[in-house]
C-alpha atoms as a PDB file:
ATOM      1  CA  GLY A   1      -0.108   0.123   0.370  1.00  0.00           C
ATOM      2  CA  PRO A   2       0.834   3.598   0.102  1.00  0.00           C
ATOM      3  CA  ARG A   3       2.775   3.157   2.829  1.00  0.00           C
ATOM      4  CA  ILE A   4       5.723   1.222   2.172  1.00  0.00           C
ATOM      5  CA  CYS A   5       5.717   3.000  -1.268  1.00  0.00           C
ATOM      6  CA  ASP A   6       6.528   6.135   1.037  1.00  0.00           C
ATOM      7  CA  THR A   7       9.021   4.176   3.641  1.00  0.00           C
ATOM      8  CA  ALA A   8      10.953   2.666   0.417  1.00  0.00           C
ATOM      9  CA  LEU A   9      11.070   6.840  -0.625  1.00  0.00           C
ATOM     10  CA  ALA A  10      11.960   7.459   2.439  1.00  0.00           C
ATOM     11  CA  ARG A  11      14.820   4.793   2.274  1.00  0.00           C
ATOM     12  CA  SER A  12      15.618   6.818  -1.001  1.00  0.00           C
ATOM     13  CA  TRP A  13      15.025  10.108   0.700  1.00  0.00           C
ATOM     14  CA  VAL A  14      18.075   9.131   3.153  1.00  0.00           C
ATOM     15  CA  VAL A  15      20.854   8.064   1.743  1.00  0.00           C
ATOM     16  CA  LEU A  16      20.108  11.597  -1.173  1.00  0.00           C
ATOM     17  CA  LEU A  17      20.278  13.907   2.111  1.00  0.00           C
ATOM     18  CA  SER A  18      23.817  12.161   2.426  1.00  0.00           C
ATOM     19  CA  LEU A  19      24.560  12.608  -1.231  1.00  0.00           C
ATOM     20  CA  ASP A  20      25.360  15.561  -3.857  1.00  0.00           C
ATOM     21  CA  ALA A  21      22.296  13.411  -7.005  1.00  0.00           C
ATOM     22  CA  GLN A  22      23.387  15.023 -10.415  1.00  0.00           C
ATOM     23  CA  PRO A  23      20.770  16.493 -11.713  1.00  0.00           C
ATOM     24  CA  THR A  24      19.158  15.563 -15.329  1.00  0.00           C
ATOM     25  CA  ASP A  25      19.779  17.272 -18.346  1.00  0.00           C
ATOM     26  CA  GLY A  26      16.526  18.905 -18.370  1.00  0.00           C
ATOM     27  CA  GLU A  27      16.382  20.286 -14.553  1.00  0.00           C
ATOM     28  CA  GLN A  28      19.899  21.285 -15.040  1.00  0.00           C
ATOM     29  CA  GLU A  29      19.353  24.879 -16.557  1.00  0.00           C
ATOM     30  CA  THR A  30      16.515  25.655 -12.996  1.00  0.00           C
ATOM     31  CA  PHE A  31      19.799  23.423 -10.863  1.00  0.00           C
ATOM     32  CA  GLU A  32      22.512  25.584 -11.782  1.00  0.00           C
ATOM     33  CA  GLU A  33      20.436  29.413 -11.129  1.00  0.00           C
ATOM     34  CA  VAL A  34      18.961  27.939  -7.599  1.00  0.00           C
ATOM     35  CA  GLN A  35      22.385  27.107  -6.747  1.00  0.00           C
ATOM     36  CA  HIS A  36      24.030  30.089  -7.428  1.00  0.00           C
ATOM     37  CA  VAL A  37      21.205  31.822  -4.905  1.00  0.00           C
ATOM     38  CA  LEU A  38      21.825  28.836  -2.211  1.00  0.00           C
ATOM     39  CA  ARG A  39      25.635  29.262  -2.446  1.00  0.00           C
ATOM     40  CA  ASN A  40      23.955  32.942   0.434  1.00  0.00           C
ATOM     41  CA  SER A  41      21.549  31.475   2.531  1.00  0.00           C
ATOM     42  CA  GLU A  42      24.049  30.575   4.825  1.00  0.00           C
ATOM     43  CA  PRO A  43      26.060  33.560   5.980  1.00  0.00           C
ATOM     44  CA  ILE A  44      22.597  35.095   6.179  1.00  0.00           C
ATOM     45  CA  LEU A  45      22.341  33.017   8.396  1.00  0.00           C
ATOM     46  CA  GLU A  46      25.172  33.643  10.261  1.00  0.00           C
ATOM     47  CA  GLU A  47      24.469  37.454  10.185  1.00  0.00           C
ATOM     48  CA  ILE A  48      21.248  36.681  11.703  1.00  0.00           C
ATOM     49  CA  GLN A  49      21.971  34.567  14.070  1.00  0.00           C
ATOM     50  CA  CYS A  50      24.526  36.897  15.886  1.00  0.00           C
ATOM     51  CA  TYR A  51      22.481  40.608  15.356  1.00  0.00           C
ATOM     52  CA  LYS A  52      23.104  41.878  17.932  1.00  0.00           C
ATOM     53  CA  GLY A  53      21.056  45.704  17.452  1.00  0.00           C
ATOM     54  CA  ALA A  54      21.478  48.929  18.437  1.00  0.00           C
ATOM     55  CA  GLY A  55      19.461  49.276  21.659  1.00  0.00           C
ATOM     56  CA  LYS A  56      21.327  50.341  23.643  1.00  0.00           C
ATOM     57  CA  GLU A  57      22.146  53.151  21.180  1.00  0.00           C
ATOM     58  CA  ILE A  58      19.225  54.120  20.614  1.00  0.00           C
ATOM     59  CA  ARG A  59      17.717  54.221  24.067  1.00  0.00           C
ATOM     60  CA  GLU A  60      20.282  56.945  24.597  1.00  0.00           C
ATOM     61  CA  ALA A  61      19.783  59.440  21.859  1.00  0.00           C
ATOM     62  CA  ILE A  62      15.528  58.903  22.627  1.00  0.00           C
ATOM     63  CA  SER A  63      15.983  59.690  26.531  1.00  0.00           C
ATOM     64  CA  THR A  64      19.714  62.114  26.109  1.00  0.00           C
ATOM     65  CA  PRO A  65      18.999  63.510  22.731  1.00  0.00           C
ATOM     66  CA  THR A  66      22.318  65.311  22.194  1.00  0.00           C
ATOM     67  CA  GLU A  67      24.339  65.413  18.635  1.00  0.00           C
ATOM     68  CA  GLU A  68      26.290  62.939  19.662  1.00  0.00           C
ATOM     69  CA  PHE A  69      24.277  60.650  21.243  1.00  0.00           C
ATOM     70  CA  GLN A  70      21.819  61.299  17.445  1.00  0.00           C
ATOM     71  CA  GLN A  71      25.716  60.582  15.762  1.00  0.00           C
ATOM     72  CA  ARG A  72      26.589  57.007  17.634  1.00  0.00           C
ATOM     73  CA  ALA A  73      23.306  55.737  17.196  1.00  0.00           C
ATOM     74  CA  TRP A  74      23.168  56.736  14.049  1.00  0.00           C
ATOM     75  CA  HIS A  75      26.586  54.934  12.832  1.00  0.00           C
ATOM     76  CA  ALA A  76      25.161  52.216  14.813  1.00  0.00           C
ATOM     77  CA  VAL A  77      22.791  51.620  12.360  1.00  0.00           C
ATOM     78  CA  LEU A  78      23.653  52.391   8.885  1.00  0.00           C
ATOM     79  CA  PRO A  79      25.162  48.856   8.598  1.00  0.00           C
ATOM     80  CA  LEU A  80      22.182  47.485  10.556  1.00  0.00           C
ATOM     81  CA  VAL A  81      19.863  48.231   8.054  1.00  0.00           C
ATOM     82  CA  SER A  82      22.117  47.350   4.891  1.00  0.00           C
ATOM     83  CA  ARG A  83      22.457  43.758   6.472  1.00  0.00           C
ATOM     84  CA  LEU A  84      18.455  44.444   6.654  1.00  0.00           C
ATOM     85  CA  LYS A  85      17.935  44.779   3.157  1.00  0.00           C
ATOM     86  CA  ARG A  86      20.443  42.412   1.726  1.00  0.00           C
ATOM     87  CA  PHE A  87      18.049  39.483   3.798  1.00  0.00           C
ATOM     88  CA  TYR A  88      14.822  41.827   2.052  1.00  0.00           C
ATOM     89  CA  GLU A  89      16.262  41.431  -1.531  1.00  0.00           C
ATOM     90  CA  PHE A  90      17.530  37.400  -0.094  1.00  0.00           C
ATOM     91  CA  SER A  91      13.756  36.656   0.073  1.00  0.00           C
ATOM     92  CA  THR A  92      13.203  38.534  -3.533  1.00  0.00           C
ATOM     93  CA  GLU A  93      15.702  35.565  -5.231  1.00  0.00           C
ATOM     94  CA  LEU A  94      14.107  33.313  -3.484  1.00  0.00           C
ATOM     95  CA  GLU A  95      10.505  34.296  -5.281  1.00  0.00           C
ATOM     96  CA  VAL A  96      12.119  34.769  -8.562  1.00  0.00           C
ATOM     97  CA  VAL A  97      13.726  30.706  -8.092  1.00  0.00           C
ATOM     98  CA  VAL A  98      11.065  28.736  -5.744  1.00  0.00           C
ATOM     99  CA  PRO A  99       7.682  29.468  -9.051  1.00  0.00           C
ATOM    100  CA  LYS A 100      10.171  27.318 -10.813  1.00  0.00           C
ATOM    101  CA  ILE A 101      11.574  24.343  -9.235  1.00  0.00           C
ATOM    102  CA  LEU A 102       7.462  24.258  -8.997  1.00  0.00           C
ATOM    103  CA  PHE A 103       6.999  24.447 -12.119  1.00  0.00           C
ATOM    104  CA  GLN A 104       9.555  21.414 -12.876  1.00  0.00           C
ATOM    105  CA  LEU A 105       7.924  19.097  -9.660  1.00  0.00           C
ATOM    106  CA  CYS A 106       4.745  19.431 -10.797  1.00  0.00           C
ATOM    107  CA  SER A 107       4.623  20.332 -14.430  1.00  0.00           C
ATOM    108  CA  GLY A 108       4.021  17.250 -17.176  1.00  0.00           C
ATOM    109  CA  PRO A 109       2.778  13.739 -16.380  1.00  0.00           C
ATOM    110  CA  MET A 110       4.702  11.982 -14.403  1.00  0.00           C
ATOM    111  CA  THR A 111       3.118  11.561 -10.728  1.00  0.00           C
ATOM    112  CA  PRO A 112       4.738  12.923  -8.114  1.00  0.00           C
ATOM    113  CA  THR A 113       6.201   9.941  -6.451  1.00  0.00           C
ATOM    114  CA  GLN A 114       7.649   9.677  -9.928  1.00  0.00           C
ATOM    115  CA  HIS A 115       8.989  13.216  -9.774  1.00  0.00           C
ATOM    116  CA  LEU A 116      10.651  13.139  -6.151  1.00  0.00           C
ATOM    117  CA  GLU A 117      12.639   9.826  -7.356  1.00  0.00           C
ATOM    118  CA  MET A 118      13.775  10.830 -10.824  1.00  0.00           C
ATOM    119  CA  GLN A 119      14.684  14.417  -9.991  1.00  0.00           C
ATOM    120  CA  GLN A 120      15.935  14.106  -6.764  1.00  0.00           C
ATOM    121  CA  ALA A 121      18.593  16.681  -7.008  1.00  0.00           C
ATOM    122  CA  LEU A 122      15.715  19.303  -7.142  1.00  0.00           C
ATOM    123  CA  VAL A 123      13.959  18.204  -4.018  1.00  0.00           C
ATOM    124  CA  LYS A 124      16.965  18.534  -2.528  1.00  0.00           C
ATOM    125  CA  GLN A 125      17.436  21.578  -3.345  1.00  0.00           C
ATOM    126  CA  PHE A 126      13.515  22.374  -3.081  1.00  0.00           C
ATOM    127  CA  ALA A 127      13.885  21.597   1.281  1.00  0.00           C
ATOM    128  CA  GLU A 128      17.071  22.935   1.711  1.00  0.00           C
ATOM    129  CA  ILE A 129      15.171  26.521   0.584  1.00  0.00           C
ATOM    130  CA  LEU A 130      12.195  24.948   3.076  1.00  0.00           C
ATOM    131  CA  GLU A 131      14.636  24.579   6.071  1.00  0.00           C
ATOM    132  CA  PHE A 132      16.983  28.223   5.780  1.00  0.00           C
ATOM    133  CA  VAL A 133      13.050  29.625   5.640  1.00  0.00           C
ATOM    134  CA  LEU A 134      12.535  27.681   8.734  1.00  0.00           C
ATOM    135  CA  LYS A 135      15.384  28.433  10.495  1.00  0.00           C
ATOM    136  CA  PHE A 136      15.818  32.104   9.114  1.00  0.00           C
ATOM    137  CA  ASP A 137      12.108  32.717  10.403  1.00  0.00           C
ATOM    138  CA  GLU A 138      12.727  31.126  13.652  1.00  0.00           C
ATOM    139  CA  TYR A 139      16.295  33.536  13.971  1.00  0.00           C
ATOM    140  CA  LYS A 140      13.968  36.360  13.330  1.00  0.00           C
ATOM    141  CA  MET A 141      10.826  35.899  15.562  1.00  0.00           C
ATOM    142  CA  LYS A 142      13.688  35.717  18.625  1.00  0.00           C
ATOM    143  CA  THR A 143      15.517  39.127  17.649  1.00  0.00           C
ATOM    144  CA  PRO A 144      13.166  41.915  18.748  1.00  0.00           C
ATOM    145  CA  ALA A 145      15.568  44.264  18.236  1.00  0.00           C
ATOM    146  CA  ILE A 146      15.568  44.031  13.656  1.00  0.00           C
ATOM    147  CA  GLN A 147      12.515  46.050  13.933  1.00  0.00           C
ATOM    148  CA  ASN A 148      13.433  48.266  16.194  1.00  0.00           C
ATOM    149  CA  ASP A 149      16.742  49.364  14.489  1.00  0.00           C
ATOM    150  CA  PHE A 150      14.889  49.540  11.380  1.00  0.00           C
ATOM    151  CA  SER A 151      12.153  52.048  13.547  1.00  0.00           C
ATOM    152  CA  TYR A 152      14.481  53.593  14.586  1.00  0.00           C
ATOM    153  CA  TYR A 153      16.326  54.349  11.496  1.00  0.00           C
ATOM    154  CA  ARG A 154      12.956  56.112  10.205  1.00  0.00           C
ATOM    155  CA  ARG A 155      12.150  57.597  12.119  1.00  0.00           C
ATOM    156  CA  THR A 156      15.723  60.043  11.900  1.00  0.00           C
ATOM    157  CA  ILE A 157      15.294  60.152   7.766  1.00  0.00           C
ATOM    158  CA  THR A 158      11.970  61.667   7.996  1.00  0.00           C
ATOM    159  CA  ARG A 159      13.580  63.892  10.563  1.00  0.00           C
ATOM    160  CA  GLN A 160      16.555  64.375   8.463  1.00  0.00           C
ATOM    161  CA  ARG A 161      13.969  65.471   5.601  1.00  0.00           C
ATOM    162  CA  MET A 162      12.034  67.924   7.373  1.00  0.00           C
ATOM    163  CA  SER A 163      14.579  69.829   8.567  1.00  0.00           C
ATOM    164  CA  SER A 164      17.752  71.458   6.473  1.00  0.00           C
ATOM    165  CA  HIS A 165      19.777  70.407   9.095  1.00  0.00           C
ATOM    166  CA  ASN A 166      23.170  68.468   8.202  1.00  0.00           C
ATOM    167  CA  GLY A 167      24.746  67.460  11.162  1.00  0.00           C
ATOM    168  CA  PHE A 168      24.472  63.452   9.926  1.00  0.00           C
ATOM    169  CA  GLU A 169      26.465  63.396   6.509  1.00  0.00           C
ATOM    170  CA  HIS A 170      24.417  62.544   3.875  1.00  0.00           C
ATOM    171  CA  LEU A 171      22.637  58.985   3.722  1.00  0.00           C
ATOM    172  CA  ASP A 172      22.894  57.839   0.252  1.00  0.00           C
ATOM    173  CA  THR A 173      18.597  57.307  -0.534  1.00  0.00           C
ATOM    174  CA  ARG A 174      20.280  55.458  -3.441  1.00  0.00           C
ATOM    175  CA  GLU A 175      20.738  53.099  -0.702  1.00  0.00           C
ATOM    176  CA  VAL A 176      17.253  52.420   1.350  1.00  0.00           C
ATOM    177  CA  THR A 177      14.519  53.830  -1.415  1.00  0.00           C
ATOM    178  CA  ASN A 178      11.373  55.568   0.385  1.00  0.00           C
ATOM    179  CA  GLU A 179       9.947  52.398  -0.982  1.00  0.00           C
ATOM    180  CA  LEU A 180      12.524  50.352  -1.071  1.00  0.00           C
ATOM    181  CA  ALA A 181      12.057  51.308   3.356  1.00  0.00           C
ATOM    182  CA  ASN A 182       7.512  50.820   2.993  1.00  0.00           C
ATOM    183  CA  ARG A 183       8.696  47.013   1.496  1.00  0.00           C
ATOM    184  CA  MET A 184      10.947  45.987   3.857  1.00  0.00           C
ATOM    185  CA  SER A 185       8.840  46.926   7.424  1.00  0.00           C
ATOM    186  CA  LEU A 186       6.020  44.939   6.164  1.00  0.00           C
ATOM    187  CA  PHE A 187       8.195  42.282   5.099  1.00  0.00           C
ATOM    188  CA  TYR A 188       9.687  43.218   8.446  1.00  0.00           C
ATOM    189  CA  ALA A 189       6.534  43.231  10.678  1.00  0.00           C
ATOM    190  CA  HIS A 190       5.175  39.962  10.144  1.00  0.00           C
ATOM    191  CA  ALA A 191       6.861  36.913  12.106  1.00  0.00           C
ATOM    192  CA  THR A 192       7.604  34.852   9.707  1.00  0.00           C
ATOM    193  CA  PRO A 193       9.173  36.837   6.823  1.00  0.00           C
ATOM    194  CA  MET A 194      10.724  34.417   5.100  1.00  0.00           C
ATOM    195  CA  LEU A 195       7.643  31.604   5.427  1.00  0.00           C
ATOM    196  CA  LYS A 196       5.488  34.489   3.637  1.00  0.00           C
ATOM    197  CA  VAL A 197       7.082  34.413   0.731  1.00  0.00           C
ATOM    198  CA  LEU A 198       7.429  31.030   0.247  1.00  0.00           C
ATOM    199  CA  SER A 199       3.471  30.653   0.422  1.00  0.00           C
ATOM    200  CA  GLU A 200       3.044  33.813  -1.283  1.00  0.00           C
ATOM    201  CA  ALA A 201       5.387  32.587  -4.376  1.00  0.00           C
ATOM    202  CA  THR A 202       3.659  28.972  -4.041  1.00  0.00           C
ATOM    203  CA  SER A 203       0.083  30.772  -4.411  1.00  0.00           C
ATOM    204  CA  MET A 204       0.901  32.806  -6.947  1.00  0.00           C
ATOM    205  CA  PHE A 205       2.650  29.500  -8.434  1.00  0.00           C
ATOM    206  CA  VAL A 206      -0.831  27.809  -8.449  1.00  0.00           C
ATOM    207  CA  LYS A 207      -2.920  30.503  -9.970  1.00  0.00           C
ATOM    208  CA  GLU A 208      -0.029  31.387 -12.555  1.00  0.00           C
ATOM    209  CA  ASN A 209       0.198  27.395 -13.947  1.00  0.00           C
ATOM    210  CA  SER A 210      -4.118  26.806 -14.146  1.00  0.00           C
ATOM    211  CA  ASP A 211      -2.886  24.336 -16.440  1.00  0.00           C
ATOM    212  CA  ILE A 212      -1.605  22.154 -13.564  1.00  0.00           C
ATOM    213  CA  PRO A 213      -4.452  20.959 -12.439  1.00  0.00           C
ATOM    214  CA  ILE A 214      -3.307  21.862  -8.605  1.00  0.00           C
ATOM    215  CA  GLU A 215      -3.819  18.106  -7.154  1.00  0.00           C
ATOM    216  CA  ASN A 216       0.024  18.169  -8.860  1.00  0.00           C
ATOM    217  CA  THR A 217       1.223  20.687  -6.653  1.00  0.00           C
ATOM    218  CA  THR A 218      -0.346  19.679  -3.064  1.00  0.00           C
ATOM    219  CA  GLU A 219       0.204  15.633  -3.988  1.00  0.00           C
ATOM    220  CA  THR A 220       4.455  16.815  -4.481  1.00  0.00           C
ATOM    221  CA  LEU A 221       3.404  18.916  -0.995  1.00  0.00           C
ATOM    222  CA  SER A 222       0.953  16.089   0.788  1.00  0.00           C
ATOM    223  CA  THR A 223       4.241  13.326  -0.633  1.00  0.00           C
ATOM    224  CA  MET A 224       7.045  14.857   0.279  1.00  0.00           C
ATOM    225  CA  ALA A 225       5.552  15.797   3.734  1.00  0.00           C
ATOM    226  CA  LYS A 226       4.604  11.341   4.313  1.00  0.00           C
ATOM    227  CA  VAL A 227       7.935  11.432   3.632  1.00  0.00           C
ATOM    228  CA  CYS A 228       9.556  13.969   6.396  1.00  0.00           C
ATOM    229  CA  LEU A 229       7.010  11.690   8.696  1.00  0.00           C
ATOM    230  CA  ARG A 230       7.735   8.480   7.503  1.00  0.00           C
ATOM    231  CA  MET A 231      11.346   8.831   8.482  1.00  0.00           C
ATOM    232  CA  LEU A 232      11.297  11.489  11.133  1.00  0.00           C
ATOM    233  CA  GLU A 233       8.877   8.092  12.695  1.00  0.00           C
ATOM    234  CA  ASN A 234      11.412   5.310  11.565  1.00  0.00           C
ATOM    235  CA  PRO A 235      14.507   6.188  13.511  1.00  0.00           C
ATOM    236  CA  ASN A 236      16.860   4.028  12.362  1.00  0.00           C
ATOM    237  CA  LEU A 237      16.519   5.255   9.014  1.00  0.00           C
ATOM    238  CA  ILE A 238      18.241   8.143   9.680  1.00  0.00           C
ATOM    239  CA  SER A 239      22.359   6.364  10.666  1.00  0.00           C
ATOM    240  CA  GLN A 240      23.696   6.939  13.945  1.00  0.00           C
ATOM    241  CA  PHE A 241      25.734  10.367  12.063  1.00  0.00           C
ATOM    242  CA  GLN A 242      24.856  12.870  12.665  1.00  0.00           C
ATOM    243  CA  ARG A 243      20.929  12.172  13.762  1.00  0.00           C
ATOM    244  CA  GLU A 244      19.847  14.741  15.181  1.00  0.00           C
ATOM    245  CA  GLU A 245      20.704  17.103  12.700  1.00  0.00           C
ATOM    246  CA  THR A 246      19.183  15.852   9.668  1.00  0.00           C
ATOM    247  CA  GLN A 247      16.151  15.103  12.184  1.00  0.00           C
ATOM    248  CA  LEU A 248      15.927  18.536  12.832  1.00  0.00           C
ATOM    249  CA  PHE A 249      16.279  19.441   8.527  1.00  0.00           C
ATOM    250  CA  VAL A 250      13.603  17.429   8.404  1.00  0.00           C
ATOM    251  CA  LEU A 251      10.865  18.146  10.623  1.00  0.00           C
ATOM    252  CA  ARG A 252      11.733  21.829   9.698  1.00  0.00           C
ATOM    253  CA  VAL A 253      11.699  20.412   6.239  1.00  0.00           C
ATOM    254  CA  MET A 254       8.004  18.148   7.149  1.00  0.00           C
ATOM    255  CA  VAL A 255       6.970  21.532   8.709  1.00  0.00           C
ATOM    256  CA  GLY A 256       7.475  23.708   5.188  1.00  0.00           C
ATOM    257  CA  LEU A 257       5.827  21.884   3.836  1.00  0.00           C
ATOM    258  CA  VAL A 258       2.990  21.464   5.916  1.00  0.00           C
ATOM    259  CA  ILE A 259       2.214  25.428   5.936  1.00  0.00           C
ATOM    260  CA  LEU A 260       2.993  25.196   1.838  1.00  0.00           C
ATOM    261  CA  TYR A 261      -0.069  23.119   1.337  1.00  0.00           C
ATOM    262  CA  ASP A 262      -2.059  24.497   4.327  1.00  0.00           C
ATOM    263  CA  HIS A 263      -2.015  27.854   1.293  1.00  0.00           C
ATOM    264  CA  VAL A 264      -1.893  25.924  -1.930  1.00  0.00           C
ATOM    265  CA  HIS A 265      -4.660  23.376  -1.185  1.00  0.00           C
ATOM    266  CA  PRO A 266      -8.220  24.390  -0.786  1.00  0.00           C
ATOM    267  CA  GLN A 267      -9.858  24.011   2.594  1.00  0.00           C
ATOM    268  CA  GLY A 268      -5.954  23.503   4.119  1.00  0.00           C
ATOM    269  CA  ALA A 269      -3.694  21.196   4.994  1.00  0.00           C
ATOM    270  CA  PHE A 270      -5.997  21.500   8.599  1.00  0.00           C
ATOM    271  CA  VAL A 271      -9.915  19.229   7.724  1.00  0.00           C
ATOM    272  CA  LYS A 272     -10.356  15.735   8.684  1.00  0.00           C
ATOM    273  CA  ALA A 273      -9.753  14.491   4.821  1.00  0.00           C
ATOM    274  CA  SER A 274      -6.627  16.047   4.272  1.00  0.00           C
ATOM    275  CA  ASN A 275      -3.590  14.591   2.891  1.00  0.00           C
ATOM    276  CA  VAL A 276      -1.446  16.081   5.744  1.00  0.00           C
ATOM    277  CA  ASP A 277      -1.189  13.999   8.746  1.00  0.00           C
ATOM    278  CA  VAL A 278      -0.802  17.448  10.228  1.00  0.00           C
ATOM    279  CA  LYS A 279      -1.768  15.209  14.100  1.00  0.00           C
ATOM    280  CA  GLY A 280       0.361  12.752  13.425  1.00  0.00           C
ATOM    281  CA  CYS A 281       3.719  16.190  12.305  1.00  0.00           C
ATOM    282  CA  VAL A 282       2.206  18.311  15.527  1.00  0.00           C
ATOM    283  CA  LYS A 283       2.804  15.093  18.268  1.00  0.00           C
ATOM    284  CA  LEU A 284       5.949  14.297  16.718  1.00  0.00           C
ATOM    285  CA  LEU A 285       7.114  18.241  17.298  1.00  0.00           C
ATOM    286  CA  LYS A 286       5.299  18.430  20.500  1.00  0.00           C
ATOM    287  CA  GLU A 287       7.750  14.950  21.670  1.00  0.00           C
ATOM    288  CA  GLN A 288      11.302  17.172  20.377  1.00  0.00           C
ATOM    289  CA  PRO A 289      12.763  19.246  23.628  1.00  0.00           C
ATOM    290  CA  ALA A 290      10.926  22.910  23.636  1.00  0.00           C
ATOM    291  CA  ALA A 291      14.050  24.227  22.334  1.00  0.00           C
ATOM    292  CA  ARG A 292      14.140  22.264  19.165  1.00  0.00           C
ATOM    293  CA  SER A 293      10.161  22.618  18.286  1.00  0.00           C
ATOM    294  CA  GLU A 294       8.663  25.848  19.757  1.00  0.00           C
ATOM    295  CA  GLY A 295      10.192  27.430  17.154  1.00  0.00           C
ATOM    296  CA  LEU A 296       7.965  25.620  14.593  1.00  0.00           C
ATOM    297  CA  LEU A 297       4.861  24.854  16.389  1.00  0.00           C
ATOM    298  CA  ASN A 298       5.376  28.522  16.409  1.00  0.00           C
ATOM    299  CA  ALA A 299       5.936  28.510  12.634  1.00  0.00           C
ATOM    300  CA  LEU A 300       2.444  25.947  12.244  1.00  0.00           C
ATOM    301  CA  ARG A 301       0.163  28.489  14.702  1.00  0.00           C
ATOM    302  CA  TYR A 302       0.991  31.814  12.948  1.00  0.00           C
ATOM    303  CA  THR A 303       1.741  31.226   9.237  1.00  0.00           C
ATOM    304  CA  THR A 304      -0.757  28.334   8.201  1.00  0.00           C
ATOM    305  CA  LYS A 305      -4.225  29.958   6.765  1.00  0.00           C
ATOM    306  CA  HIS A 306      -6.742  27.757   7.712  1.00  0.00           C
ATOM    307  CA  LEU A 307      -5.834  26.704  11.272  1.00  0.00           C
ATOM    308  CA  ASN A 308      -8.370  28.652  13.282  1.00  0.00           C
ATOM    309  CA  GLU A 309     -10.999  27.807  10.792  1.00  0.00           C
ATOM    310  CA  GLU A 310     -14.362  26.012  12.294  1.00  0.00           C
ATOM    311  CA  ALA A 311     -13.443  22.974   9.956  1.00  0.00           C
ATOM    312  CA  THR A 312     -10.176  21.990  12.081  1.00  0.00           C
ATOM    313  CA  PRO A 313     -10.889  19.775  14.366  1.00  0.00           C
ATOM    314  CA  LYS A 314     -10.968  20.261  18.081  1.00  0.00           C
ATOM    315  CA  ASN A 315      -7.888  18.316  18.383  1.00  0.00           C
ATOM    316  CA  ILE A 316      -5.620  19.722  16.334  1.00  0.00           C
ATOM    317  CA  LYS A 317      -5.974  23.155  18.068  1.00  0.00           C
ATOM    318  CA  ASN A 318      -5.988  21.909  21.607  1.00  0.00           C
ATOM    319  CA  LEU A 319      -2.728  20.234  20.913  1.00  0.00           C
ATOM    320  CA  LEU A 320      -1.894  23.642  19.368  1.00  0.00           C
ATOM    321  CA  ALA A 321      -2.625  25.707  21.468  1.00  0.00           C
ATOM    322  CA  ALA A 322       0.127  28.289  22.126  1.00  0.00           C
END
């Protein structure tokens, strides 16, 4: 039955996670474009992980608004804004490549399982994007300084524009135009900004490719999620070597898939008839130490679309109650 098939697929995925699958000729172009984007994912995670913020300087500038303190806060905030701009721009690159991966994995005559078996290089890239997005958003949720710094930056610019005061060396507004600053504010206003970009890009993909049946996309996502769940339920599938790291990778990917499925499927992931075993996923998360699961549970709480609707079974709502 399907369970056997999922387990077989899970086995081949375990191998996949440890190898670099080679793209087929048809995948090559998309694969290279995605690799080019993914090169920057690690540096970005390192940067957001050690993001300290300019809270101290900003507080001083507000409580003692002298020239000196304001200059100090301004110089502390500027490099941080460049960093925030890089993060935001990276999200726009993901927005471009994700539909290309989905097109490869969801179009044509193959079944979702065949796609996942034949196109392992792209499947792995898609999993790596999901992992990046969930990691980034976990750090973002723990870093209130980001929004604090950015709103201080915007207030300062507004003040500078209103006064012709030249004490600040003039900011190069080419770096962050007003329009870009607005888009960045909207991006960082979300609890999980990267996931939001990914969910919207996936929904957009389904809308713009009306010739691809929506089931192709939802089944590809749900099959991947099933495989993840199967891998996590059979710990002996994952060798001792790097077990913890691999499990965390698979947990993140699984949560990302549930969230995307919930955005794309008309009824979402939580209804009884859903193809995604949300209950199994949440139970598995609850068995993890809180340090590993809290960010992922929050992503399910705050980034899904249908969780709070009538049709969501009570037991799932209770499981996810914060």
